[in-house]
Structures are given as structure tokens and as C-alpha cells.
Protein backbone atom coordinates (compact mmCIF):
# COMPACT_ATOMS: atom_id res chain seq x y z
CA UNK A 1 25.99 -11.13 -0.41
CA UNK A 2 22.34 -11.19 0.56
CA UNK A 3 20.34 -14.02 -1.04
CA UNK A 4 17.53 -12.27 -2.91
CA UNK A 5 15.40 -15.40 -2.88
CA UNK A 6 14.92 -15.39 0.89
CA UNK A 7 11.71 -13.53 1.62
CA UNK A 8 11.70 -11.15 4.55
CA UNK A 9 7.97 -10.47 4.51
CA UNK A 10 4.66 -12.16 3.91
CA UNK A 11 1.13 -10.91 3.41
CA UNK A 12 -1.63 -12.02 5.76
CA UNK A 13 -5.09 -11.12 6.94
CA UNK A 14 -5.62 -8.50 9.63
CA UNK A 15 -5.89 -9.85 13.17
CA UNK A 16 -7.25 -8.02 16.22
CA UNK A 17 -3.72 -7.71 17.62
CA UNK A 18 -2.75 -5.63 14.55
CA UNK A 19 -5.21 -2.85 15.40
CA UNK A 20 -2.75 -1.13 17.75
CA UNK A 21 0.06 -0.98 15.16
CA UNK A 22 -2.35 0.26 12.50
CA UNK A 23 -3.58 2.91 14.96
CA UNK A 24 -0.03 4.12 15.64
CA UNK A 25 0.76 4.34 11.92
CA UNK A 26 -2.42 6.19 10.99
CA UNK A 27 -1.68 8.74 13.71
CA UNK A 28 1.99 9.22 12.76
CA UNK A 29 1.98 12.66 11.19
CA UNK A 30 5.24 12.26 9.25
CA UNK A 31 4.03 9.04 7.65
CA UNK A 32 0.56 10.37 6.89
CA UNK A 33 1.62 13.57 5.13
CA UNK A 34 3.42 11.50 2.50
CA UNK A 35 0.04 10.43 1.18
CA UNK A 36 -2.41 13.10 2.27
CA UNK A 37 -3.41 15.59 4.91
CA UNK A 38 -2.85 14.58 8.51
CA UNK A 39 -5.85 14.39 10.77
CA UNK A 40 -5.57 12.46 14.04
CA UNK A 41 -7.96 9.53 14.32
CA UNK A 42 -9.56 8.35 17.57
CA UNK A 43 -9.39 4.71 18.63
CA UNK A 44 -13.14 4.31 18.07
CA UNK A 45 -12.98 5.84 14.57
CA UNK A 46 -10.02 3.60 13.79
CA UNK A 47 -11.69 0.35 14.88
CA UNK A 48 -14.89 1.29 13.04
CA UNK A 49 -12.87 1.98 9.85
CA UNK A 50 -11.04 -1.37 10.06
CA UNK A 51 -14.23 -3.32 10.64
CA UNK A 52 -16.09 -1.45 7.87
CA UNK A 53 -13.19 -2.09 5.48
CA UNK A 54 -13.05 -5.78 6.36
CA UNK A 55 -16.81 -6.14 5.69
CA UNK A 56 -16.78 -4.27 2.38
CA UNK A 57 -16.94 -6.24 -0.85
CA UNK A 58 -14.91 -3.72 -2.85
CA UNK A 59 -11.94 -3.35 -0.51
CA UNK A 60 -9.38 -5.49 1.29
CA UNK A 61 -6.89 -4.74 4.04
CA UNK A 62 -3.76 -6.90 4.24
CA UNK A 63 -0.91 -6.87 6.73
CA UNK A 64 2.71 -6.85 5.61
CA UNK A 65 4.27 -9.10 8.23
CA UNK A 66 7.76 -10.13 9.23
CA UNK A 67 8.37 -13.54 7.67
CA UNK A 68 9.97 -14.94 10.85
CA UNK A 69 7.63 -13.86 13.64
CA UNK A 70 4.52 -12.66 11.80
CA UNK A 71 4.60 -9.22 13.43
CA UNK A 72 2.97 -6.38 11.50
CA UNK A 73 5.40 -4.00 9.81
CA UNK A 74 3.04 -2.37 7.33
CA UNK A 75 -0.17 -2.77 5.40
CA UNK A 76 -1.75 -2.75 1.96
CA UNK A 77 -5.21 -1.33 1.35
CA UNK A 78 -7.05 -2.27 -1.82
CA UNK A 79 -10.02 -0.10 -2.71
CA UNK A 80 -12.36 0.18 -5.66
CA UNK A 81 -11.91 -3.51 -6.42
CA UNK A 82 -13.86 -4.10 -9.63
CA UNK A 83 -14.60 -7.64 -10.76
CA UNK A 84 -15.99 -6.25 -14.02
CA UNK A 85 -12.95 -4.14 -14.90
CA UNK A 86 -10.56 -6.47 -13.04
CA UNK A 87 -8.84 -3.53 -11.37
CA UNK A 88 -8.24 -1.87 -8.02
CA UNK A 89 -6.64 1.12 -6.38
CA UNK A 90 -3.85 0.43 -3.91
CA UNK A 91 -2.28 2.11 -0.90
CA UNK A 92 0.82 0.72 0.80
CA UNK A 93 2.48 1.79 4.04
CA UNK A 94 5.59 0.50 5.75
CA UNK A 95 4.72 1.59 9.26
CA UNK A 96 7.99 0.71 10.95
CA UNK A 97 10.35 3.63 10.22
CA UNK A 98 13.51 1.54 10.70
CA UNK A 99 12.41 -0.79 7.88
CA UNK A 100 11.84 1.92 5.28
CA UNK A 101 14.29 2.35 2.41
CA UNK A 102 15.44 -1.27 2.71
CA UNK A 103 13.45 -2.81 -0.13
CA UNK A 104 10.69 -4.13 2.15
CA UNK A 105 7.98 -2.19 0.32
CA UNK A 106 9.22 -3.40 -3.06
CA UNK A 107 9.27 -6.99 -1.80
CA UNK A 108 5.76 -6.65 -0.37
CA UNK A 109 4.57 -5.12 -3.65
CA UNK A 110 5.91 -8.13 -5.56
CA UNK A 111 4.00 -10.48 -3.28
CA UNK A 112 0.89 -8.36 -3.63
CA UNK A 113 1.04 -8.30 -7.44
CA UNK A 114 1.41 -12.08 -7.47
CA UNK A 115 -1.73 -12.26 -5.29
CA UNK A 116 -3.56 -9.67 -7.45
CA UNK A 117 -2.90 -11.50 -10.71
CA UNK A 118 -3.27 -15.10 -9.54
CA UNK A 119 -5.84 -15.00 -6.74
CA UNK A 120 -7.92 -11.91 -7.48
CA UNK A 121 -7.72 -12.22 -11.27
CA UNK A 122 -6.94 -8.52 -11.66
CA UNK A 123 -5.53 -6.97 -14.81
CA UNK A 124 -4.73 -3.47 -13.49
CA UNK A 125 -3.57 -1.99 -10.19
CA UNK A 126 -3.27 1.76 -9.76
CA UNK A 127 -2.07 4.09 -7.03
CA UNK A 128 -1.22 7.71 -6.44
CA UNK A 129 1.95 9.12 -4.92
CA UNK A 130 2.99 12.65 -4.03
CA UNK A 131 5.30 13.97 -6.71
CA UNK A 132 7.96 14.74 -4.10
CA UNK A 133 7.87 11.25 -2.52
CA UNK A 134 10.80 10.00 -4.57
CA UNK A 135 11.55 7.00 -2.37
CA UNK A 136 8.07 5.53 -2.83
CA UNK A 137 7.99 6.35 -6.54
CA UNK A 138 11.32 4.56 -7.06
CA UNK A 139 9.90 1.45 -5.38
CA UNK A 140 6.74 1.53 -7.51
CA UNK A 141 8.69 1.92 -10.74
CA UNK A 142 10.93 -0.98 -9.72
CA UNK A 143 7.78 -3.07 -9.21
CA UNK A 144 6.62 -2.42 -12.77
CA UNK A 145 4.33 0.58 -12.30
CA UNK A 146 4.35 3.27 -14.97
CA UNK A 147 3.50 6.94 -14.57
CA UNK A 148 0.21 7.70 -16.31
CA UNK A 149 -0.18 11.35 -15.39
CA UNK A 150 -0.11 14.13 -12.84
CA UNK A 151 -3.10 15.16 -10.77
CA UNK A 152 -2.39 18.86 -10.21
CA UNK A 153 -3.17 20.36 -6.78
CA UNK A 154 -4.86 17.11 -5.77
CA UNK A 155 -4.22 17.27 -2.01
CA UNK A 156 -4.00 20.12 0.51
CA UNK A 157 -1.18 19.52 3.01
CA UNK A 158 0.33 21.95 5.50
CA UNK A 159 -1.34 24.98 3.97
CA UNK A 160 -0.56 24.28 0.33
CA UNK A 161 -1.83 22.22 -2.56
CA UNK A 162 0.38 19.36 -3.74
CA UNK A 163 0.42 17.33 -6.93
CA UNK A 164 -0.05 13.58 -7.07
CA UNK A 165 1.17 11.25 -9.78
CA UNK A 166 -1.05 8.44 -10.98
CA UNK A 167 0.86 5.20 -11.54
CA UNK A 168 -0.48 1.86 -12.73
CA UNK A 169 0.76 -1.61 -13.56
CA UNK A 170 -0.93 -4.06 -15.86
CA UNK A 171 -0.68 -7.80 -15.58
CA UNK A 172 1.04 -7.81 -18.99
CA UNK A 173 3.68 -5.36 -17.66
CA UNK A 174 5.07 -7.90 -15.21
CA UNK A 175 6.54 -11.37 -15.43
CA UNK A 176 4.65 -12.44 -12.31
CA UNK A 177 2.10 -15.21 -12.93
CA UNK A 178 1.07 -14.48 -16.50
């Protein structure tokens, strides 16, 4: 039996050596269409985006790293961080295909929510997910998120409009650092 108390991942700041992994993931069509339309990104655009995101006061980019060797296996992007409303929007990606559907995203989300409540002082975290991305939705629900509504025809992917679901979790919804 696997000991559920042994963490497989940790969250850390972005380092220059992570840029290549992030670049591969952002240009992986199959991964990208799960969240929005795919448009290849150049290396220059990619580096500019990372550096702009790292400088911004209302966003944060975190690496989901292997607990043992620190290698990047995914990332979390916080946007629209509001100190007034104590909320943010979140995007999560497990970039390494072989590690998907193994609970890594759920584990990383638990670590993130602990960070959001304790260190950032947030009260609400929201995200959107394609209605047909059942694997991601299952992970979010397991992490305490609740469906708040459907955004009809919200994204245009592969020649057709797709719906997104809006999910959110409140600090009071979880037993993490109350």
C-alpha cells in the first residue's frame, strides 16, 4: 500500500532552467487544446511572457517539481490576484504526460491551496475547465472545488465553440489551514 503522507511533489519558484520545459509544454498541441486554442509560441515570445509574468504584481508562476530531484513536471499560474477581494484565478498543467492521471495534479493542488490560504491570505480560488475534460474536473472536485456554472461557447477550438465550466473553492470549503 502506498503511504499517502509521502509527498511526491513540491512547489517552487521558476528558475531559468525551467524555461525549456515550459516551452515544450506550451507548444504541445494535445496539452494545450484541453484548456484553449492551440497557437505555437516562439522562444522569444515564451521568454518575454515568463519574464512579464514574473514581474507582474497580480500574477505568479510556480513550478510543480519532483520532490526528490526538483525537476519540473508541471506548473501553476495564478492570475488576477486581488488583495482586496482575496481571490485569484488559477491554471494548472502537468506537463509530463507519463505523470498524468496518477494523482500528481491533485497533490499539487493541495499544496497550492495550503499556500493560497496561509501565505497569500486568499479566500477564493477559481478556474475554468473544458466541460469534456473529465480527468481534470475529477481532480478539481477532489480538491474541494465546486462547479459554479457553465460558460457557453467560451472557447473556439478546432473549428468549433466549446463550453467551459467555472469552478471555485473557498477557504471555508477545505480543511487546509483554516
